[in-house]
Protein backbone atom coordinates (compact mmCIF):
# COMPACT_ATOMS: atom_id res chain seq x y z
CA MET A 1 -162.43 172.64 82.41
CA SER A 2 -162.09 174.30 78.94
CA MET A 3 -162.81 172.29 76.06
CA ASP A 4 -160.22 172.84 73.16
CA ALA A 5 -160.63 174.12 69.63
CA ALA A 6 -161.25 171.05 67.98
CA GLU A 7 -164.10 169.09 70.55
CA LEU A 8 -165.75 173.09 70.47
CA ARG A 9 -166.09 172.33 66.77
CA ALA A 10 -167.45 169.02 67.04
CA GLU A 11 -170.14 170.38 69.50
CA ILE A 12 -171.15 172.89 67.53
CA ASP A 13 -171.16 170.93 64.62
CA ARG A 14 -173.95 168.38 66.58
CA LEU A 15 -176.03 171.03 67.59
CA ARG A 16 -176.82 172.56 64.32
CA ALA A 17 -177.67 169.06 63.16
CA GLU A 18 -179.89 168.76 65.80
CA ASN A 19 -181.29 172.31 64.92
CA GLU A 20 -182.27 170.95 61.29
CA ALA A 21 -183.47 167.90 62.70
CA LEU A 22 -186.09 169.53 64.86
CA ARG A 23 -186.60 172.23 62.23
CA ALA A 24 -187.79 169.33 60.03
CA VAL A 25 -190.39 167.77 62.03
CA THR A 26 -191.90 171.17 63.43
CA ALA A 27 -192.51 172.31 59.84
CA PRO A 28 -196.09 172.34 58.88
CA ALA A 29 -197.23 169.74 56.58
CA PRO A 30 -198.37 171.56 53.14
CA GLU A 31 -202.27 171.08 52.53
CA PRO A 32 -203.14 168.32 50.18
CA ASP A 33 -204.52 170.46 47.50
CA GLU A 34 -202.10 173.31 47.61
CA VAL A 35 -199.57 173.70 45.08
CA ALA A 36 -196.32 175.13 44.86
CA PRO A 37 -196.08 178.33 43.21
CA PRO A 38 -193.93 178.23 39.95
CA SER A 39 -190.45 179.15 39.94
CA PRO A 40 -189.90 182.49 38.35
CA ARG A 41 -187.49 180.70 35.82
CA ARG A 42 -190.15 178.64 34.52
CA ALA A 43 -193.14 181.35 35.25
CA ASN A 44 -190.69 183.65 32.36
CA TRP A 45 -190.22 180.93 30.08
CA TRP A 46 -192.09 183.05 27.73
CA ARG A 47 -189.69 186.23 27.73
CA GLY A 48 -186.40 184.00 26.43
CA ALA A 49 -188.66 182.37 23.85
CA LEU A 50 -189.76 185.80 22.69
CA SER A 51 -186.61 187.63 22.90
CA ALA A 52 -184.95 184.88 20.74
CA LEU A 53 -188.19 185.24 18.05
CA CYS A 54 -187.23 189.17 17.81
CA ILE A 55 -183.52 188.80 17.64
CA THR A 56 -183.43 186.25 15.04
CA VAL A 57 -186.35 187.91 12.90
CA ALA A 58 -183.90 191.10 13.35
CA GLY A 59 -180.64 189.43 12.11
CA ILE A 60 -182.85 188.14 9.18
CA LEU A 61 -183.85 191.53 8.00
CA VAL A 62 -180.51 192.87 8.69
CA PRO A 63 -179.44 192.40 5.05
CA VAL A 64 -182.97 193.15 3.67
CA SER A 65 -182.70 196.25 5.83
CA ILE A 66 -179.35 197.15 4.17
CA VAL A 67 -180.56 196.69 0.31
CA ALA A 68 -183.91 198.35 1.05
CA ALA A 69 -181.75 201.47 2.22
CA TRP A 70 -179.93 201.28 -0.88
CA ALA A 71 -182.48 201.17 -3.08
CA ARG A 72 -184.39 203.91 -1.74
CA THR A 73 -181.15 206.08 -1.62
CA GLU A 74 -180.66 205.08 -5.29
CA LEU A 75 -184.25 205.75 -6.59
CA VAL A 76 -185.65 208.52 -4.42
CA SER A 77 -181.98 210.65 -4.43
CA GLU A 78 -180.74 211.67 -8.30
CA GLU A 79 -178.05 213.03 -6.73
CA SER A 80 -176.46 209.91 -4.60
CA PHE A 81 -177.78 208.28 -8.02
CA VAL A 82 -175.46 210.49 -10.10
CA GLN A 83 -172.95 210.21 -7.79
CA THR A 84 -173.17 206.21 -7.77
CA PHE A 85 -172.46 206.45 -11.64
CA ALA A 86 -170.53 209.48 -12.46
CA PRO A 87 -167.58 207.78 -11.64
CA LEU A 88 -167.48 205.10 -14.41
CA VAL A 89 -166.73 207.77 -17.29
CA ASP A 90 -163.54 208.60 -15.95
CA ASP A 91 -162.40 205.24 -15.67
CA ALA A 92 -160.21 203.79 -18.65
CA GLY A 93 -161.88 200.71 -19.63
CA VAL A 94 -165.24 202.14 -19.15
CA GLN A 95 -164.29 204.63 -21.81
CA GLN A 96 -163.01 202.14 -24.20
CA LEU A 97 -166.18 200.29 -23.55
CA ILE A 98 -168.19 203.40 -24.62
CA ILE A 99 -165.67 204.28 -27.73
CA ASP A 100 -165.89 200.75 -29.00
CA GLN A 101 -169.61 200.20 -28.86
CA THR A 102 -170.17 203.45 -30.55
CA SER A 103 -167.87 203.16 -33.03
CA THR A 104 -169.59 200.04 -34.08
CA ALA A 105 -172.88 201.57 -33.55
CA VAL A 106 -171.96 204.49 -35.98
CA ASP A 107 -170.30 202.38 -38.34
CA GLU A 108 -173.51 199.74 -39.03
CA ALA A 109 -175.45 203.06 -39.26
CA LEU A 110 -173.63 205.44 -41.67
CA ASP A 111 -171.74 202.28 -43.42
CA ILE A 112 -168.81 204.57 -44.33
CA PRO A 113 -167.71 202.20 -47.40
CA SER A 114 -170.73 202.95 -49.20
CA PHE A 115 -171.15 206.76 -48.11
CA THR A 116 -167.66 207.33 -49.95
CA ASN A 117 -168.33 204.96 -52.71
CA ASP A 118 -171.62 207.09 -53.64
CA LEU A 119 -169.17 210.14 -53.26
CA PHE A 120 -166.73 209.04 -55.51
CA ASP A 121 -169.67 207.56 -58.25
CA GLY A 122 -171.13 211.29 -57.75
CA LEU A 123 -167.54 212.46 -58.86
CA ALA A 124 -167.38 209.67 -61.82
CA THR A 125 -169.87 211.26 -63.44
CA LEU A 126 -168.25 214.35 -64.41
CA ASP A 127 -166.59 214.95 -67.20
CA LEU A 128 -162.79 214.18 -66.34
CA PRO A 129 -159.97 212.91 -68.13
CA PRO A 130 -159.24 209.54 -67.87
CA ARG A 131 -156.39 209.81 -65.50
CA ALA A 132 -158.43 211.34 -63.26
CA GLN A 133 -161.17 208.73 -63.25
CA SER A 134 -158.16 206.43 -62.53
CA ALA A 135 -157.10 208.41 -59.29
CA ILE A 136 -160.90 208.60 -58.36
CA ASP A 137 -161.26 204.33 -58.55
CA LEU A 138 -157.71 204.11 -56.62
CA MET A 139 -158.68 206.87 -53.68
CA ARG A 140 -161.97 205.14 -52.83
CA VAL A 141 -160.63 202.49 -50.40
CA PRO A 142 -157.71 205.20 -48.41
CA ALA A 143 -160.53 207.58 -48.70
CA ALA A 144 -163.03 205.01 -46.61
CA ALA A 145 -160.30 204.28 -44.27
CA GLY A 146 -159.18 207.81 -43.98
CA LEU A 147 -162.90 208.63 -43.11
CA GLN A 148 -163.35 205.36 -40.95
CA ASN A 149 -159.81 206.31 -38.73
CA LEU A 150 -161.64 210.08 -38.51
CA VAL A 151 -164.90 208.78 -37.09
CA ASP A 152 -162.76 206.49 -34.33
CA SER A 153 -160.54 209.54 -33.42
CA SER A 154 -163.43 211.85 -32.79
CA ILE A 155 -165.37 209.31 -30.70
CA THR A 156 -161.93 209.29 -29.07
CA ARG A 157 -161.01 212.22 -28.83
CA VAL A 158 -164.70 213.54 -27.46
CA VAL A 159 -165.24 211.04 -25.03
CA GLU A 160 -161.65 211.10 -23.27
CA SER A 161 -162.22 214.83 -23.07
CA ASP A 162 -163.39 216.86 -20.31
CA ALA A 163 -166.84 218.16 -21.81
CA PHE A 164 -167.96 214.09 -21.96
CA SER A 165 -168.02 213.82 -18.41
CA ALA A 166 -170.83 216.92 -18.54
CA VAL A 167 -172.57 214.69 -21.37
CA TRP A 168 -172.25 211.35 -19.03
CA GLN A 169 -173.72 213.53 -16.03
CA ARG A 170 -176.78 214.75 -18.43
CA SER A 171 -177.37 211.20 -19.61
CA LEU A 172 -177.28 210.01 -15.93
CA LEU A 173 -179.53 212.73 -14.79
CA ALA A 174 -182.24 211.65 -17.73
CA SER A 175 -181.67 207.65 -16.73
CA HIS A 176 -182.81 208.33 -13.22
CA ARG A 177 -186.04 209.34 -14.34
CA ALA A 178 -186.43 205.62 -16.10
CA LEU A 179 -185.17 203.74 -13.19
CA VAL A 180 -187.36 205.48 -11.02
CA ALA A 181 -190.30 203.14 -12.39
CA VAL A 182 -189.63 200.62 -14.97
CA ALA A 183 -192.92 200.61 -16.39
CA THR A 184 -192.31 204.37 -17.36
CA ASN A 185 -188.72 203.33 -19.01
CA ASP A 186 -187.51 206.55 -21.17
CA GLU A 187 -186.24 205.05 -24.29
CA SER A 188 -183.83 208.05 -24.34
CA ALA A 189 -182.36 207.25 -20.98
CA ALA A 190 -178.58 206.04 -20.56
CA VAL A 191 -179.50 203.17 -18.43
CA SER A 192 -182.20 200.98 -19.23
CA VAL A 193 -184.02 197.65 -18.33
CA ASP A 194 -186.09 196.00 -21.20
CA SER A 195 -188.75 193.52 -20.72
CA GLN A 196 -186.24 190.67 -20.55
CA GLY A 197 -184.79 192.08 -17.42
CA ALA A 198 -181.94 193.25 -19.25
CA LEU A 199 -179.60 196.22 -17.71
CA GLY A 200 -177.61 198.36 -20.28
CA ILE A 201 -176.69 201.36 -21.51
CA ASN A 202 -178.34 203.21 -24.17
CA LEU A 203 -176.06 204.68 -26.93
CA GLY A 204 -178.95 207.17 -28.44
CA PRO A 205 -178.40 210.11 -26.21
CA ILE A 206 -174.55 209.59 -26.01
CA VAL A 207 -174.17 209.25 -29.67
CA GLU A 208 -176.64 212.59 -30.33
CA GLU A 209 -174.36 214.03 -27.94
CA LEU A 210 -171.74 212.95 -29.96
CA LYS A 211 -172.84 214.26 -33.05
CA THR A 212 -173.69 217.92 -31.53
CA THR A 213 -170.15 218.07 -30.53
CA MET A 214 -168.72 216.58 -33.97
CA VAL A 215 -170.56 219.15 -36.14
CA ASP A 216 -169.68 221.89 -33.46
CA GLN A 217 -165.88 221.04 -34.17
CA GLY A 218 -166.07 221.34 -37.89
CA PHE A 219 -167.13 217.53 -39.08
CA GLY A 220 -170.12 218.50 -41.41
CA PHE A 221 -170.61 214.52 -42.29
CA ALA A 222 -171.67 213.53 -38.52
CA ALA A 223 -174.82 215.31 -39.06
CA SER A 224 -175.97 212.26 -41.66
CA ILE A 225 -175.53 209.89 -38.52
CA PRO A 226 -178.65 208.43 -38.17
CA ALA A 227 -180.63 208.15 -34.52
CA ILE A 228 -178.62 205.11 -33.13
CA ASP A 229 -180.92 202.76 -31.47
CA ARG A 230 -178.51 200.30 -29.58
CA THR A 231 -178.33 199.00 -25.93
CA ILE A 232 -174.72 197.54 -23.91
CA VAL A 233 -175.90 195.19 -21.89
CA LEU A 234 -174.52 194.81 -18.59
CA VAL A 235 -176.37 192.52 -16.54
CA GLN A 236 -179.30 190.03 -17.16
CA SER A 237 -181.57 188.93 -14.71
CA ASP A 238 -185.53 188.30 -14.07
CA ALA A 239 -185.21 189.79 -10.71
CA LEU A 240 -184.69 193.41 -12.78
CA LEU A 241 -188.12 192.61 -13.83
CA LEU A 242 -189.48 192.85 -10.35
CA VAL A 243 -187.56 196.71 -9.92
CA GLY A 244 -190.91 198.38 -10.99
CA THR A 245 -192.90 196.27 -8.86
CA ILE A 246 -190.71 196.85 -5.58
CA TYR A 247 -190.10 200.54 -6.16
CA GLN A 248 -192.68 201.57 -4.15
CA LEU A 249 -191.88 199.10 -1.15
CA ALA A 250 -188.28 200.15 -1.72
CA VAL A 251 -189.14 203.94 -1.44
CA THR A 252 -191.49 203.33 1.62
CA LEU A 253 -189.17 200.54 3.87
CA GLY A 254 -185.58 201.77 2.64
CA TRP A 255 -186.12 203.76 5.72
CA TRP A 256 -188.50 202.00 7.88
CA LEU A 257 -186.58 198.64 7.81
CA PRO A 258 -183.69 199.85 9.52
CA VAL A 259 -185.50 201.39 12.21
CA ILE A 260 -187.76 197.92 12.90
CA SER A 261 -184.41 195.95 13.21
CA LEU A 262 -183.27 198.19 15.54
CA ALA A 263 -186.24 198.14 17.80
CA LEU A 264 -186.46 194.62 17.55
CA PHE A 265 -182.84 193.86 18.66
CA ALA A 266 -183.83 196.29 21.37
CA LEU A 267 -186.86 194.53 22.52
CA GLY A 268 -185.09 191.82 22.46
CA ILE A 269 -182.74 192.24 24.81
CA LEU A 270 -184.86 193.93 27.31
CA LEU A 271 -187.12 190.99 27.27
CA ALA A 272 -184.39 188.33 27.89
CA ARG A 273 -183.54 186.98 31.44
CA ARG A 274 -179.78 187.30 30.61
CA ARG A 275 -179.04 190.51 29.30
CA SER A 276 -175.50 189.66 28.18
CA THR A 277 -176.69 186.45 26.25
CA ALA A 278 -179.27 188.41 24.35
CA VAL A 279 -176.68 191.13 23.80
CA LEU A 280 -174.48 187.88 22.15
CA GLY A 281 -177.30 187.05 20.07
CA THR A 282 -177.59 190.20 19.13
CA GLY A 283 -173.96 190.60 17.90
CA VAL A 284 -173.92 187.17 16.58
CA ALA A 285 -177.23 187.89 14.33
CA ILE A 286 -175.98 191.45 12.96
CA PHE A 287 -172.68 189.68 12.25
CA VAL A 288 -174.33 186.45 10.44
CA GLY A 289 -176.92 188.91 8.48
CA ALA A 290 -174.21 191.33 7.26
CA GLY A 291 -171.65 188.86 6.54
CA VAL A 292 -174.10 187.01 4.17
CA LEU A 293 -174.79 190.01 2.48
CA ALA A 294 -171.17 191.06 2.27
CA ALA A 295 -170.11 187.37 0.83
CA GLY A 296 -173.02 187.16 -1.53
CA LEU A 297 -172.16 190.12 -3.22
CA SER A 298 -168.54 189.12 -3.24
CA GLY A 299 -169.22 185.92 -4.65
CA ALA A 300 -171.92 187.50 -7.46
CA SER A 301 -169.24 189.74 -8.39
CA VAL A 302 -166.68 186.45 -9.23
CA VAL A 303 -169.38 184.82 -11.32
CA LEU A 304 -170.14 187.90 -12.93
CA GLY A 305 -166.33 187.91 -14.52
CA LEU A 306 -166.61 184.69 -15.32
CA SER A 307 -169.48 185.53 -17.56
CA ALA A 308 -167.73 188.71 -19.00
CA GLY A 309 -166.81 186.62 -22.39
CA SER A 310 -170.18 186.14 -23.03
CA LEU A 311 -171.29 190.05 -22.78
CA GLY A 312 -168.65 191.11 -24.65
CA ILE A 313 -167.30 193.00 -22.02
CA PRO A 314 -163.66 193.05 -20.55
CA ALA A 315 -163.93 191.42 -17.02
CA ALA A 316 -162.17 194.27 -15.49
CA THR A 317 -164.76 196.77 -16.71
CA LEU A 318 -167.32 194.54 -15.80
CA ASP A 319 -165.83 194.62 -12.61
CA THR A 320 -165.69 198.28 -12.22
CA ILE A 321 -169.37 199.03 -12.96
CA PHE A 322 -170.34 195.99 -11.03
CA TYR A 323 -168.74 197.64 -7.99
CA ALA A 324 -169.97 200.88 -8.58
CA VAL A 325 -173.19 199.35 -8.26
CA VAL A 326 -173.11 197.31 -5.23
CA GLY A 327 -169.82 198.82 -3.84
CA ALA A 328 -171.99 200.88 -1.28
CA MET A 329 -173.83 197.84 0.09
CA ARG A 330 -171.02 195.94 -0.07
CA ASP A 331 -169.22 198.20 2.40
CA THR A 332 -171.93 198.61 4.64
CA ALA A 333 -172.55 195.01 4.68
CA ILE A 334 -168.44 194.54 5.70
CA VAL A 335 -168.67 197.44 8.35
CA LEU A 336 -172.01 196.09 10.04
CA THR A 337 -170.05 192.35 10.03
CA PHE A 338 -167.39 194.03 12.13
CA LEU A 339 -169.95 196.02 14.22
CA GLY A 340 -171.73 192.40 15.01
CA LEU A 341 -168.36 190.85 15.47
CA VAL A 342 -167.15 193.30 18.38
CA ILE A 343 -170.76 193.33 19.86
CA GLY A 344 -170.54 189.78 20.35
CA ILE A 345 -167.11 189.85 21.82
CA THR A 346 -167.84 192.37 24.19
CA ALA A 347 -171.07 190.43 25.81
CA TRP A 348 -169.01 187.37 25.49
CA LEU A 349 -166.26 188.81 27.91
CA ALA A 350 -169.14 190.74 29.70
CA GLY A 351 -170.90 187.44 30.40
CA ARG A 352 -170.85 184.88 33.37
CA TRP A 353 -169.19 182.25 31.07
CA ALA A 354 -166.33 180.67 33.20
CA PRO A 355 -163.61 181.28 30.10
CA ALA A 356 -164.93 184.71 29.80
CA ALA A 357 -164.34 185.28 33.40
CA ARG A 358 -160.77 183.76 32.78
CA VAL A 359 -160.16 186.14 30.09
CA ARG A 360 -161.11 188.93 31.61
CA SER A 361 -159.07 188.35 34.81
CA PHE A 362 -155.67 187.99 32.69
CA THR A 363 -156.38 191.47 30.97
CA GLY A 364 -157.48 193.13 34.05
CA SER A 365 -154.22 192.02 35.85
CA LEU A 366 -152.13 192.75 32.84
CA THR A 367 -153.78 196.14 32.44
CA THR A 368 -153.65 196.59 35.99
CA SER A 369 -150.15 195.97 36.61
CA ALA A 370 -149.33 198.41 33.68
CA ARG A 371 -151.50 201.24 35.23
CA THR A 372 -149.87 200.26 38.59
CA GLY A 373 -146.48 201.11 37.33
CA LEU A 374 -147.07 204.05 35.27
CA GLN A 375 -148.25 205.92 38.38
CA ARG A 376 -145.60 204.81 40.52
CA ARG A 377 -143.16 206.28 37.95
CA GLY A 378 -145.29 209.62 38.49
CA LEU A 379 -147.99 209.06 35.79
CA ASN A 380 -151.36 210.31 37.72
CA THR A 381 -154.26 211.14 35.72
CA GLY A 382 -155.93 212.74 38.44
CA ARG A 383 -159.58 213.79 38.13
CA PHE A 384 -159.50 212.85 34.36
CA GLY A 385 -158.56 209.51 35.05
CA ALA A 386 -161.09 209.34 37.65
CA TRP A 387 -163.74 210.45 35.27
CA LEU A 388 -162.73 207.80 32.77
CA HIS A 389 -162.89 205.12 35.08
CA ALA A 390 -166.51 206.33 36.14
CA GLN A 391 -167.71 206.77 32.79
CA ARG A 392 -165.71 203.85 31.34
CA THR A 393 -168.95 202.59 29.31
CA LEU A 394 -169.44 205.45 27.56
CA VAL A 395 -165.84 205.88 26.47
CA ARG A 396 -165.91 202.15 25.19
CA LEU A 397 -169.41 202.82 23.32
CA ILE A 398 -167.64 206.51 21.57
CA ILE A 399 -164.54 204.56 20.86
CA LEU A 400 -166.50 201.77 18.90
CA ALA A 401 -168.36 204.91 16.89
CA LEU A 402 -165.69 206.13 15.61
CA THR A 403 -164.14 203.25 14.47
CA VAL A 404 -167.33 202.44 12.64
CA LEU A 405 -167.55 206.00 11.55
CA LEU A 406 -163.89 205.34 10.20
CA LEU A 407 -164.61 202.69 8.37
CA PHE A 408 -167.59 204.64 6.48
CA ALA A 409 -165.25 207.10 5.71
CA LEU A 410 -162.39 204.83 4.28
CA ARG A 411 -164.93 203.47 1.64
CA PRO A 412 -164.39 201.31 -0.70
CA LEU A 413 -162.79 199.17 2.35
CA SER A 414 -159.88 196.48 1.53
CA ILE A 415 -158.53 194.42 3.90
CA GLY A 416 -155.30 196.26 5.02
CA ASP A 417 -158.39 199.32 5.78
CA ILE A 418 -160.00 197.24 7.82
CA LEU A 419 -157.33 195.51 9.76
CA LEU A 420 -155.72 199.08 10.46
CA THR A 421 -158.45 200.19 11.74
CA VAL A 422 -159.39 197.66 14.51
CA ILE A 423 -155.44 197.36 15.39
CA LEU A 424 -156.52 201.67 15.79
CA GLY A 425 -159.09 200.90 18.02
CA LEU A 426 -157.38 198.65 20.00
CA VAL A 427 -154.75 200.59 20.37
CA VAL A 428 -156.82 203.53 21.46
CA TRP A 429 -158.99 201.39 23.87
CA PHE A 430 -155.69 200.40 25.91
CA ILE A 431 -154.78 203.84 26.43
CA VAL A 432 -157.79 204.81 27.97
CA GLU A 433 -157.71 201.60 30.30
CA LEU A 434 -153.94 202.57 31.22
CA LEU A 435 -155.45 206.22 31.74
CA GLN A 436 -158.03 205.29 34.21
CA ARG A 437 -157.91 205.81 37.55
CA ASP A 438 -160.23 204.11 40.16
CA PRO A 439 -160.29 206.10 43.45
CA ALA A 440 -160.88 203.01 45.50
CA LEU A 441 -157.79 201.56 44.74
CA VAL A 442 -155.24 204.52 44.54
CA VAL A 443 -151.83 203.74 44.06
CA GLU A 444 -149.28 205.21 46.25
CA THR A 445 -145.81 206.12 45.69
CA GLU A 446 -143.01 203.61 47.11
CA ALA A 447 -142.44 205.78 50.04
CA ASP A 448 -146.18 206.67 50.64
CA ALA A 449 -146.53 202.87 50.57
CA GLU A 450 -143.76 202.19 53.10
CA ALA A 451 -145.16 204.86 55.36
CA ALA A 452 -148.45 203.00 55.10
CA VAL A 453 -146.88 199.63 56.10
CA ASP A 454 -145.00 201.10 59.29
CA ALA A 455 -148.23 202.60 60.37
CA ALA A 456 -149.92 199.43 60.15
CA ALA A 457 -147.61 197.52 62.09
CA PRO A 458 -148.48 196.03 65.03
CA GLU A 459 -147.14 196.32 68.44
CA GLU A 460 -144.86 194.29 70.38
CA ASP A 461 -146.99 193.33 73.14
CA GLU A 462 -149.93 192.96 70.78
CA LEU A 463 -151.39 189.28 69.99
CA VAL A 464 -152.78 189.00 66.58
CA SER A 465 -155.15 186.32 65.58
CA VAL A 466 -153.48 184.45 62.41
CA GLY A 467 -156.35 181.93 61.35
CA VAL A 468 -159.66 180.80 61.35
CA ASP A 469 -158.95 178.60 64.66
CA ALA A 470 -156.86 181.29 66.36
CA VAL A 471 -157.91 182.17 70.01
CA THR A 472 -157.23 185.52 71.26
CA VAL A 473 -157.07 185.98 74.93
CA VAL A 474 -157.69 189.13 76.79
CA ASP A 475 -157.22 189.18 80.49
CA ASP A 476 -158.89 192.28 81.42
CA ALA A 477 -162.56 191.48 79.15
CA PRO A 478 -165.10 190.90 82.04
CA VAL A 479 -166.37 187.58 82.34
CA ALA A 480 -170.13 186.94 82.81
CA ASP A 481 -170.97 184.29 85.60
CA ALA A 482 -171.08 180.97 84.86
CA PRO A 483 -172.44 177.93 86.60
CA PRO A 484 -170.26 176.09 88.16
CA THR A 485 -168.83 172.76 85.82
CA THR A 486 -167.97 169.24 87.53
CA GLY A 487 -165.66 168.49 84.25
CA LYS A 488 -168.05 166.36 82.66
CA ARG A 489 -169.00 166.79 78.99
CA PRO A 490 -173.11 167.50 79.29
CA PRO A 491 -175.31 164.40 78.52
CA LYS A 492 -176.05 163.75 75.05
CA ARG A 493 -179.66 164.01 73.73
């Protein structure tokens, strides 16, 4: 008498338990001095620690690398230096600042009222009629005012002219040599750092150019303007005193620090036991390091604007000058912050965490459903879709790289630029996902699907097993000889 399914399962469980008990009894006992081998996780603990250390150090070097690379570019390349500061002369606020400060410097040096008084005193010594003497005295104040207006209008006309851009660029080229090393600070430079750590624009070279231009235009009195030693202080910081000291470091490390940071990130990922966790840490480190620098520069702009009154410079003009100096650093920090965020999110989604798996499942079902619907409507990308699926990692990296390059190209950046770039990148990524075609999961047309279902349908007299407990009986199958059974269960051991 054959056993039913429940009895057969119970017998299998009993035999499995007896086998486990026998295996435990017959297993050789370990030697007293035998030491169990360390688990791989415990033996490789140093890899995780070293990986975390590399990623942490690289994250700390991110803002330092940005500043060092900017400093090297500005200090080594005259062209980059001029491109940074040359646009300032086209700003109306900066032009007005130069006009006001130059007019004040010329007034103090020339003393126009004394100049006109000396002129009219000379005329008074002449043997002139009384009425002429009286007229001369009445003309002193109007003549001084007219000469003052003439000087102011001449300075304004020169500064606002197109020719002044060339004057400004020549001053910048001269000033770059002074900024290369503060120890050899050139007094004729347009931008200088004094012994108190004050960064300012030296009006001397500009006034000399103005004198030459005014004399060439027929204003002979401009030749009487003496040499001007006046500086417009833009910002004062003791840190500026270190420019000369760190110059060699900036030139040397400005190129190597970014390379070292990238190498440390790569080493940290290679040493990690879980690569997805290391990549996630890399993204977080880049996001935090670059984000701190971007936030610090933005905060410094606000603080500097509050101190504009004490410097005697309009806040808008000071903000323009400050952004011209640090704009490239801030934009680079913003782009790297975005890059770190993308790397972190991507690594988290690729990890083994349960929420990440649910998100992958949800987004995968959405894209699969959309792709299936499009393919059923005749959109079949063929070999191109298969190539996109096979090279999907490379394609995603290309999309990310193009997004970052677009952010660099849009500098100076605004919040709108960043949001539009992110949205554009996501749209392109989604389109690429829809165009993919997995050869192992080809979606057929409705007609092909119906034909496949009909072909796979069982015959009417075919017995199909359903469920794990189903039993299929085949009459024609050969049966091996078995000992006669008495209908009794075998005795338990």
